[in-house]
């Protein structure tokens, strides 16, 4: 068992892409009358793309980036604002 702390490298380019994707998907979900936060959380936790609407191609867009990168962007944004 390794007790060393692991390092996670952040790629700035994918970070910006994650933000753009989250914003686009958020808007598409909102336009269709869904609770965007709940739907995005459901997708990140489960990996099930059916949490995301096809409206404005949001389901395809969100699958362009790994879920861990989306989560990283959310944590970063939250911590920087608080």
PDB file of N, CA and C in Angstrom:
ATOM      1  N   UNK A   1       0.844  -1.176   0.000  1.00  0.00           N
ATOM      2  CA  UNK A   1       0.000   0.000   0.000  1.00  0.00           C
ATOM      3  C   UNK A   1       0.893   1.245   0.000  1.00  0.00           C
ATOM      4  N   UNK A   2       0.607   2.158  -0.881  1.00  0.00           N
ATOM      5  CA  UNK A   2       1.390   3.380  -1.011  1.00  0.00           C
ATOM      6  C   UNK A   2       0.747   4.481  -0.163  1.00  0.00           C
ATOM      7  N   UNK A   3       1.518   5.075   0.731  1.00  0.00           N
ATOM      8  CA  UNK A   3       0.997   6.126   1.599  1.00  0.00           C
ATOM      9  C   UNK A   3       1.444   7.513   1.155  1.00  0.00           C
ATOM     10  N   UNK A   4       2.058   7.576  -0.015  1.00  0.00           N
ATOM     11  CA  UNK A   4       2.511   8.854  -0.562  1.00  0.00           C
ATOM     12  C   UNK A   4       1.316   9.598  -1.171  1.00  0.00           C
ATOM     13  N   UNK A   5       1.347  10.917  -1.101  1.00  0.00           N
ATOM     14  CA  UNK A   5       0.319  11.732  -1.744  1.00  0.00           C
ATOM     15  C   UNK A   5       0.572  11.751  -3.242  1.00  0.00           C
ATOM     16  N   UNK A   6      -0.453  11.494  -4.015  1.00  0.00           N
ATOM     17  CA  UNK A   6      -0.323  11.500  -5.471  1.00  0.00           C
ATOM     18  C   UNK A   6      -0.556  12.908  -5.999  1.00  0.00           C
ATOM     19  N   UNK A   7       0.116  13.243  -7.072  1.00  0.00           N
ATOM     20  CA  UNK A   7      -0.051  14.549  -7.721  1.00  0.00           C
ATOM     21  C   UNK A   7      -0.993  14.397  -8.911  1.00  0.00           C
ATOM     22  N   UNK A   8      -1.886  15.350  -9.063  1.00  0.00           N
ATOM     23  CA  UNK A   8      -2.805  15.380 -10.196  1.00  0.00           C
ATOM     24  C   UNK A   8      -2.471  16.613 -11.006  1.00  0.00           C
ATOM     25  N   UNK A   9      -2.090  16.430 -12.252  1.00  0.00           N
ATOM     26  CA  UNK A   9      -1.693  17.541 -13.117  1.00  0.00           C
ATOM     27  C   UNK A   9      -2.913  18.122 -13.809  1.00  0.00           C
ATOM     28  N   UNK A  10      -2.968  19.448 -13.863  1.00  0.00           N
ATOM     29  CA  UNK A  10      -4.071  20.155 -14.500  1.00  0.00           C
ATOM     30  C   UNK A  10      -3.591  20.735 -15.820  1.00  0.00           C
ATOM     31  N   UNK A  11      -4.321  20.440 -16.876  1.00  0.00           N
ATOM     32  CA  UNK A  11      -4.024  20.981 -18.194  1.00  0.00           C
ATOM     33  C   UNK A  11      -4.886  22.223 -18.396  1.00  0.00           C
ATOM     34  N   UNK A  12      -4.246  23.383 -18.520  1.00  0.00           N
ATOM     35  CA  UNK A  12      -4.982  24.657 -18.635  1.00  0.00           C
ATOM     36  C   UNK A  12      -5.945  24.666 -19.814  1.00  0.00           C
ATOM     37  N   UNK A  13      -5.535  24.103 -20.959  1.00  0.00           N
ATOM     38  CA  UNK A  13      -6.391  24.116 -22.140  1.00  0.00           C
ATOM     39  C   UNK A  13      -7.668  23.321 -21.921  1.00  0.00           C
ATOM     40  N   UNK A  14      -7.551  22.136 -21.343  1.00  0.00           N
ATOM     41  CA  UNK A  14      -8.751  21.335 -21.102  1.00  0.00           C
ATOM     42  C   UNK A  14      -9.618  21.968 -20.014  1.00  0.00           C
ATOM     43  N   UNK A  15      -8.986  22.727 -19.111  1.00  0.00           N
ATOM     44  CA  UNK A  15      -9.716  23.426 -18.065  1.00  0.00           C
ATOM     45  C   UNK A  15     -10.660  24.469 -18.684  1.00  0.00           C
ATOM     46  N   UNK A  16     -10.161  25.233 -19.653  1.00  0.00           N
ATOM     47  CA  UNK A  16     -10.997  26.221 -20.343  1.00  0.00           C
ATOM     48  C   UNK A  16     -12.090  25.531 -21.143  1.00  0.00           C
ATOM     49  N   UNK A  17     -11.747  24.414 -21.770  1.00  0.00           N
ATOM     50  CA  UNK A  17     -12.726  23.668 -22.542  1.00  0.00           C
ATOM     51  C   UNK A  17     -13.824  23.130 -21.627  1.00  0.00           C
ATOM     52  N   UNK A  18     -13.452  22.644 -20.467  1.00  0.00           N
ATOM     53  CA  UNK A  18     -14.437  22.124 -19.515  1.00  0.00           C
ATOM     54  C   UNK A  18     -15.409  23.221 -19.113  1.00  0.00           C
ATOM     55  N   UNK A  19     -14.909  24.406 -18.858  1.00  0.00           N
ATOM     56  CA  UNK A  19     -15.765  25.529 -18.472  1.00  0.00           C
ATOM     57  C   UNK A  19     -16.759  25.864 -19.583  1.00  0.00           C
ATOM     58  N   UNK A  20     -16.274  25.947 -20.799  1.00  0.00           N
ATOM     59  CA  UNK A  20     -17.140  26.257 -21.942  1.00  0.00           C
ATOM     60  C   UNK A  20     -18.207  25.191 -22.129  1.00  0.00           C
ATOM     61  N   UNK A  21     -17.819  23.940 -21.983  1.00  0.00           N
ATOM     62  CA  UNK A  21     -18.766  22.827 -22.133  1.00  0.00           C
ATOM     63  C   UNK A  21     -19.813  22.878 -21.033  1.00  0.00           C
ATOM     64  N   UNK A  22     -19.395  23.067 -19.797  1.00  0.00           N
ATOM     65  CA  UNK A  22     -20.351  23.147 -18.692  1.00  0.00           C
ATOM     66  C   UNK A  22     -21.349  24.275 -18.896  1.00  0.00           C
ATOM     67  N   UNK A  23     -20.881  25.425 -19.334  1.00  0.00           N
ATOM     68  CA  UNK A  23     -21.780  26.556 -19.557  1.00  0.00           C
ATOM     69  C   UNK A  23     -22.771  26.276 -20.683  1.00  0.00           C
ATOM     70  N   UNK A  24     -22.311  25.679 -21.767  1.00  0.00           N
ATOM     71  CA  UNK A  24     -23.192  25.371 -22.898  1.00  0.00           C
ATOM     72  C   UNK A  24     -24.242  24.336 -22.506  1.00  0.00           C
ATOM     73  N   UNK A  25     -23.821  23.305 -21.797  1.00  0.00           N
ATOM     74  CA  UNK A  25     -24.744  22.250 -21.364  1.00  0.00           C
ATOM     75  C   UNK A  25     -25.738  22.807 -20.347  1.00  0.00           C
ATOM     76  N   UNK A  26     -25.255  23.636 -19.445  1.00  0.00           N
ATOM     77  CA  UNK A  26     -26.122  24.277 -18.451  1.00  0.00           C
ATOM     78  C   UNK A  26     -27.244  25.044 -19.153  1.00  0.00           C
ATOM     79  N   UNK A  27     -26.890  25.837 -20.135  1.00  0.00           N
ATOM     80  CA  UNK A  27     -27.895  26.637 -20.863  1.00  0.00           C
ATOM     81  C   UNK A  27     -28.887  25.752 -21.600  1.00  0.00           C
ATOM     82  N   UNK A  28     -28.410  24.700 -22.250  1.00  0.00           N
ATOM     83  CA  UNK A  28     -29.300  23.787 -22.977  1.00  0.00           C
ATOM     84  C   UNK A  28     -30.289  23.120 -22.026  1.00  0.00           C
ATOM     85  N   UNK A  29     -29.804  22.672 -20.874  1.00  0.00           N
ATOM     86  CA  UNK A  29     -30.684  22.039 -19.891  1.00  0.00           C
ATOM     87  C   UNK A  29     -31.709  23.034 -19.354  1.00  0.00           C
ATOM     88  N   UNK A  30     -31.263  24.235 -19.079  1.00  0.00           N
ATOM     89  CA  UNK A  30     -32.153  25.279 -18.563  1.00  0.00           C
ATOM     90  C   UNK A  30     -33.253  25.605 -19.581  1.00  0.00           C
ATOM     91  N   UNK A  31     -32.873  25.727 -20.853  1.00  0.00           N
ATOM     92  CA  UNK A  31     -33.846  26.033 -21.908  1.00  0.00           C
ATOM     93  C   UNK A  31     -34.923  24.949 -22.023  1.00  0.00           C
ATOM     94  N   UNK A  32     -34.549  23.702 -21.752  1.00  0.00           N
ATOM     95  CA  UNK A  32     -35.513  22.610 -21.844  1.00  0.00           C
ATOM     96  C   UNK A  32     -36.318  22.425 -20.562  1.00  0.00           C
ATOM     97  N   UNK A  33     -36.067  23.247 -19.545  1.00  0.00           N
ATOM     98  CA  UNK A  33     -36.857  23.189 -18.326  1.00  0.00           C
ATOM     99  C   UNK A  33     -36.341  22.239 -17.254  1.00  0.00           C
ATOM    100  N   UNK A  34     -35.141  21.721 -17.435  1.00  0.00           N
ATOM    101  CA  UNK A  34     -34.547  20.840 -16.432  1.00  0.00           C
ATOM    102  C   UNK A  34     -33.824  21.656 -15.368  1.00  0.00           C
ATOM    103  N   UNK A  35     -33.550  21.024 -14.227  1.00  0.00           N
ATOM    104  CA  UNK A  35     -32.690  21.627 -13.218  1.00  0.00           C
ATOM    105  C   UNK A  35     -31.255  21.288 -13.644  1.00  0.00           C
ATOM    106  N   UNK A  36     -30.530  22.257 -14.220  1.00  0.00           N
ATOM    107  CA  UNK A  36     -29.210  21.961 -14.786  1.00  0.00           C
ATOM    108  C   UNK A  36     -28.211  21.402 -13.781  1.00  0.00           C
ATOM    109  N   UNK A  37     -28.252  21.907 -12.560  1.00  0.00           N
ATOM    110  CA  UNK A  37     -27.302  21.445 -11.548  1.00  0.00           C
ATOM    111  C   UNK A  37     -27.532  19.955 -11.252  1.00  0.00           C
ATOM    112  N   UNK A  38     -28.767  19.583 -11.008  1.00  0.00           N
ATOM    113  CA  UNK A  38     -29.085  18.176 -10.708  1.00  0.00           C
ATOM    114  C   UNK A  38     -28.725  17.261 -11.869  1.00  0.00           C
ATOM    115  N   UNK A  39     -29.012  17.696 -13.076  1.00  0.00           N
ATOM    116  CA  UNK A  39     -28.738  16.866 -14.245  1.00  0.00           C
ATOM    117  C   UNK A  39     -27.239  16.680 -14.459  1.00  0.00           C
ATOM    118  N   UNK A  40     -26.475  17.750 -14.309  1.00  0.00           N
ATOM    119  CA  UNK A  40     -25.017  17.667 -14.497  1.00  0.00           C
ATOM    120  C   UNK A  40     -24.401  16.804 -13.400  1.00  0.00           C
ATOM    121  N   UNK A  41     -24.854  16.961 -12.166  1.00  0.00           N
ATOM    122  CA  UNK A  41     -24.354  16.126 -11.065  1.00  0.00           C
ATOM    123  C   UNK A  41     -24.676  14.661 -11.351  1.00  0.00           C
ATOM    124  N   UNK A  42     -25.883  14.390 -11.784  1.00  0.00           N
ATOM    125  CA  UNK A  42     -26.252  13.011 -12.122  1.00  0.00           C
ATOM    126  C   UNK A  42     -25.341  12.421 -13.180  1.00  0.00           C
ATOM    127  N   UNK A  43     -25.036  13.211 -14.185  1.00  0.00           N
ATOM    128  CA  UNK A  43     -24.138  12.741 -15.244  1.00  0.00           C
ATOM    129  C   UNK A  43     -22.731  12.479 -14.709  1.00  0.00           C
ATOM    130  N   UNK A  44     -22.195  13.423 -13.939  1.00  0.00           N
ATOM    131  CA  UNK A  44     -20.831  13.264 -13.427  1.00  0.00           C
ATOM    132  C   UNK A  44     -20.729  12.052 -12.512  1.00  0.00           C
ATOM    133  N   UNK A  45     -21.706  11.859 -11.649  1.00  0.00           N
ATOM    134  CA  UNK A  45     -21.660  10.732 -10.712  1.00  0.00           C
ATOM    135  C   UNK A  45     -21.862   9.375 -11.385  1.00  0.00           C
ATOM    136  N   UNK A  46     -22.752   9.323 -12.360  1.00  0.00           N
ATOM    137  CA  UNK A  46     -23.113   8.035 -12.952  1.00  0.00           C
ATOM    138  C   UNK A  46     -22.408   7.735 -14.272  1.00  0.00           C
ATOM    139  N   UNK A  47     -22.069   8.781 -15.011  1.00  0.00           N
ATOM    140  CA  UNK A  47     -21.519   8.570 -16.346  1.00  0.00           C
ATOM    141  C   UNK A  47     -22.589   8.303 -17.384  1.00  0.00           C
ATOM    142  N   UNK A  48     -23.854   8.352 -16.966  1.00  0.00           N
ATOM    143  CA  UNK A  48     -24.978   8.082 -17.863  1.00  0.00           C
ATOM    144  C   UNK A  48     -25.318   9.344 -18.655  1.00  0.00           C
ATOM    145  N   UNK A  49     -25.085   9.341 -19.957  1.00  0.00           N
ATOM    146  CA  UNK A  49     -25.321  10.549 -20.762  1.00  0.00           C
ATOM    147  C   UNK A  49     -26.795  10.934 -20.894  1.00  0.00           C
ATOM    148  N   UNK A  50     -27.715  10.039 -20.511  1.00  0.00           N
ATOM    149  CA  UNK A  50     -29.126  10.393 -20.631  1.00  0.00           C
ATOM    150  C   UNK A  50     -29.552  11.452 -19.616  1.00  0.00           C
ATOM    151  N   UNK A  51     -28.688  11.786 -18.668  1.00  0.00           N
ATOM    152  CA  UNK A  51     -28.973  12.911 -17.774  1.00  0.00           C
ATOM    153  C   UNK A  51     -28.903  14.242 -18.525  1.00  0.00           C
ATOM    154  N   UNK A  52     -28.270  14.228 -19.685  1.00  0.00           N
ATOM    155  CA  UNK A  52     -28.064  15.446 -20.464  1.00  0.00           C
ATOM    156  C   UNK A  52     -28.965  15.415 -21.692  1.00  0.00           C
ATOM    157  N   UNK A  53     -29.638  16.524 -21.948  1.00  0.00           N
ATOM    158  CA  UNK A  53     -30.540  16.639 -23.083  1.00  0.00           C
ATOM    159  C   UNK A  53     -29.776  16.615 -24.409  1.00  0.00           C
ATOM    160  N   UNK A  54     -30.480  16.223 -25.464  1.00  0.00           N
ATOM    161  CA  UNK A  54     -29.911  16.315 -26.808  1.00  0.00           C
ATOM    162  C   UNK A  54     -30.066  17.721 -27.383  1.00  0.00           C
ATOM    163  N   UNK A  55     -30.864  18.552 -26.717  1.00  0.00           N
ATOM    164  CA  UNK A  55     -31.094  19.923 -27.169  1.00  0.00           C
ATOM    165  C   UNK A  55     -29.756  20.646 -27.359  1.00  0.00           C
ATOM    166  N   UNK A  56     -29.617  21.300 -28.471  1.00  0.00           N
ATOM    167  CA  UNK A  56     -28.382  22.024 -28.825  1.00  0.00           C
ATOM    168  C   UNK A  56     -27.153  21.111 -28.812  1.00  0.00           C
ATOM    169  N   UNK A  57     -27.393  19.822 -29.054  1.00  0.00           N
ATOM    170  CA  UNK A  57     -26.307  18.840 -29.136  1.00  0.00           C
ATOM    171  C   UNK A  57     -25.533  18.712 -27.820  1.00  0.00           C
ATOM    172  N   UNK A  58     -26.172  19.056 -26.700  1.00  0.00           N
ATOM    173  CA  UNK A  58     -25.498  19.092 -25.400  1.00  0.00           C
ATOM    174  C   UNK A  58     -24.950  17.729 -24.979  1.00  0.00           C
ATOM    175  N   UNK A  59     -25.666  16.666 -25.292  1.00  0.00           N
ATOM    176  CA  UNK A  59     -25.210  15.333 -24.892  1.00  0.00           C
ATOM    177  C   UNK A  59     -23.896  14.966 -25.589  1.00  0.00           C
ATOM    178  N   UNK A  60     -23.800  15.289 -26.842  1.00  0.00           N
ATOM    179  CA  UNK A  60     -22.550  15.024 -27.569  1.00  0.00           C
ATOM    180  C   UNK A  60     -21.432  15.936 -27.087  1.00  0.00           C
ATOM    181  N   UNK A  61     -21.773  17.173 -26.804  1.00  0.00           N
ATOM    182  CA  UNK A  61     -20.773  18.147 -26.362  1.00  0.00           C
ATOM    183  C   UNK A  61     -20.155  17.726 -25.035  1.00  0.00           C
ATOM    184  N   UNK A  62     -20.981  17.322 -24.082  1.00  0.00           N
ATOM    185  CA  UNK A  62     -20.451  16.992 -22.753  1.00  0.00           C
ATOM    186  C   UNK A  62     -19.575  15.738 -22.799  1.00  0.00           C
ATOM    187  N   UNK A  63     -19.801  14.877 -23.766  1.00  0.00           N
ATOM    188  CA  UNK A  63     -19.010  13.648 -23.856  1.00  0.00           C
ATOM    189  C   UNK A  63     -17.644  13.881 -24.508  1.00  0.00           C
ATOM    190  N   UNK A  64     -17.381  15.103 -24.940  1.00  0.00           N
ATOM    191  CA  UNK A  64     -16.085  15.434 -25.532  1.00  0.00           C
ATOM    192  C   UNK A  64     -14.986  15.566 -24.483  1.00  0.00           C
ATOM    193  N   UNK A  65     -15.390  15.616 -23.229  1.00  0.00           N
ATOM    194  CA  UNK A  65     -14.417  15.817 -22.154  1.00  0.00           C
ATOM    195  C   UNK A  65     -14.680  14.813 -21.040  1.00  0.00           C
ATOM    196  N   UNK A  66     -13.635  14.378 -20.389  1.00  0.00           N
ATOM    197  CA  UNK A  66     -13.766  13.384 -19.327  1.00  0.00           C
ATOM    198  C   UNK A  66     -14.489  13.968 -18.115  1.00  0.00           C
ATOM    199  N   UNK A  67     -15.228  13.127 -17.417  1.00  0.00           N
ATOM    200  CA  UNK A  67     -15.985  13.575 -16.250  1.00  0.00           C
ATOM    201  C   UNK A  67     -15.080  14.113 -15.156  1.00  0.00           C
ATOM    202  N   UNK A  68     -13.880  13.561 -14.986  1.00  0.00           N
ATOM    203  CA  UNK A  68     -12.980  14.069 -13.948  1.00  0.00           C
ATOM    204  C   UNK A  68     -12.539  15.499 -14.254  1.00  0.00           C
ATOM    205  N   UNK A  69     -12.440  15.838 -15.539  1.00  0.00           N
ATOM    206  CA  UNK A  69     -12.082  17.208 -15.908  1.00  0.00           C
ATOM    207  C   UNK A  69     -13.234  18.171 -15.613  1.00  0.00           C
ATOM    208  N   UNK A  70     -14.456  17.708 -15.817  1.00  0.00           N
ATOM    209  CA  UNK A  70     -15.618  18.533 -15.477  1.00  0.00           C
ATOM    210  C   UNK A  70     -15.668  18.765 -13.968  1.00  0.00           C
ATOM    211  N   UNK A  71     -15.453  17.715 -13.212  1.00  0.00           N
ATOM    212  CA  UNK A  71     -15.461  17.819 -11.754  1.00  0.00           C
ATOM    213  C   UNK A  71     -14.356  18.754 -11.276  1.00  0.00           C
ATOM    214  N   UNK A  72     -13.196  18.645 -11.880  1.00  0.00           N
ATOM    215  CA  UNK A  72     -12.081  19.517 -11.526  1.00  0.00           C
ATOM    216  C   UNK A  72     -12.439  20.989 -11.735  1.00  0.00           C
ATOM    217  N   UNK A  73     -13.082  21.285 -12.841  1.00  0.00           N
ATOM    218  CA  UNK A  73     -13.482  22.669 -13.121  1.00  0.00           C
ATOM    219  C   UNK A  73     -14.491  23.162 -12.101  1.00  0.00           C
ATOM    220  N   UNK A  74     -15.433  22.309 -11.723  1.00  0.00           N
ATOM    221  CA  UNK A  74     -16.433  22.694 -10.727  1.00  0.00           C
ATOM    222  C   UNK A  74     -15.796  22.980  -9.369  1.00  0.00           C
ATOM    223  N   UNK A  75     -14.897  22.118  -8.935  1.00  0.00           N
ATOM    224  CA  UNK A  75     -14.228  22.313  -7.645  1.00  0.00           C
ATOM    225  C   UNK A  75     -13.391  23.584  -7.681  1.00  0.00           C
ATOM    226  N   UNK A  76     -12.657  23.771  -8.759  1.00  0.00           N
ATOM    227  CA  UNK A  76     -11.809  24.958  -8.901  1.00  0.00           C
ATOM    228  C   UNK A  76     -12.663  26.229  -8.839  1.00  0.00           C
ATOM    229  N   UNK A  77     -13.727  26.268  -9.576  1.00  0.00           N
ATOM    230  CA  UNK A  77     -14.592  27.445  -9.596  1.00  0.00           C
ATOM    231  C   UNK A  77     -15.189  27.722  -8.219  1.00  0.00           C
ATOM    232  N   UNK A  78     -15.630  26.672  -7.548  1.00  0.00           N
ATOM    233  CA  UNK A  78     -16.217  26.828  -6.217  1.00  0.00           C
ATOM    234  C   UNK A  78     -15.209  27.393  -5.222  1.00  0.00           C
ATOM    235  N   UNK A  79     -14.024  26.818  -5.207  1.00  0.00           N
ATOM    236  CA  UNK A  79     -13.011  27.234  -4.249  1.00  0.00           C
ATOM    237  C   UNK A  79     -12.482  28.634  -4.534  1.00  0.00           C
ATOM    238  N   UNK A  80     -12.397  29.007  -5.782  1.00  0.00           N
ATOM    239  CA  UNK A  80     -11.913  30.344  -6.121  1.00  0.00           C
ATOM    240  C   UNK A  80     -12.919  31.430  -5.767  1.00  0.00           C
ATOM    241  N   UNK A  81     -14.206  31.075  -5.755  1.00  0.00           N
ATOM    242  CA  UNK A  81     -15.252  32.049  -5.431  1.00  0.00           C
ATOM    243  C   UNK A  81     -15.458  32.184  -3.929  1.00  0.00           C
ATOM    244  N   UNK A  82     -15.053  31.192  -3.147  1.00  0.00           N
ATOM    245  CA  UNK A  82     -15.302  31.210  -1.696  1.00  0.00           C
ATOM    246  C   UNK A  82     -14.056  31.439  -0.898  1.00  0.00           C
TER     247      UNK A  82
END
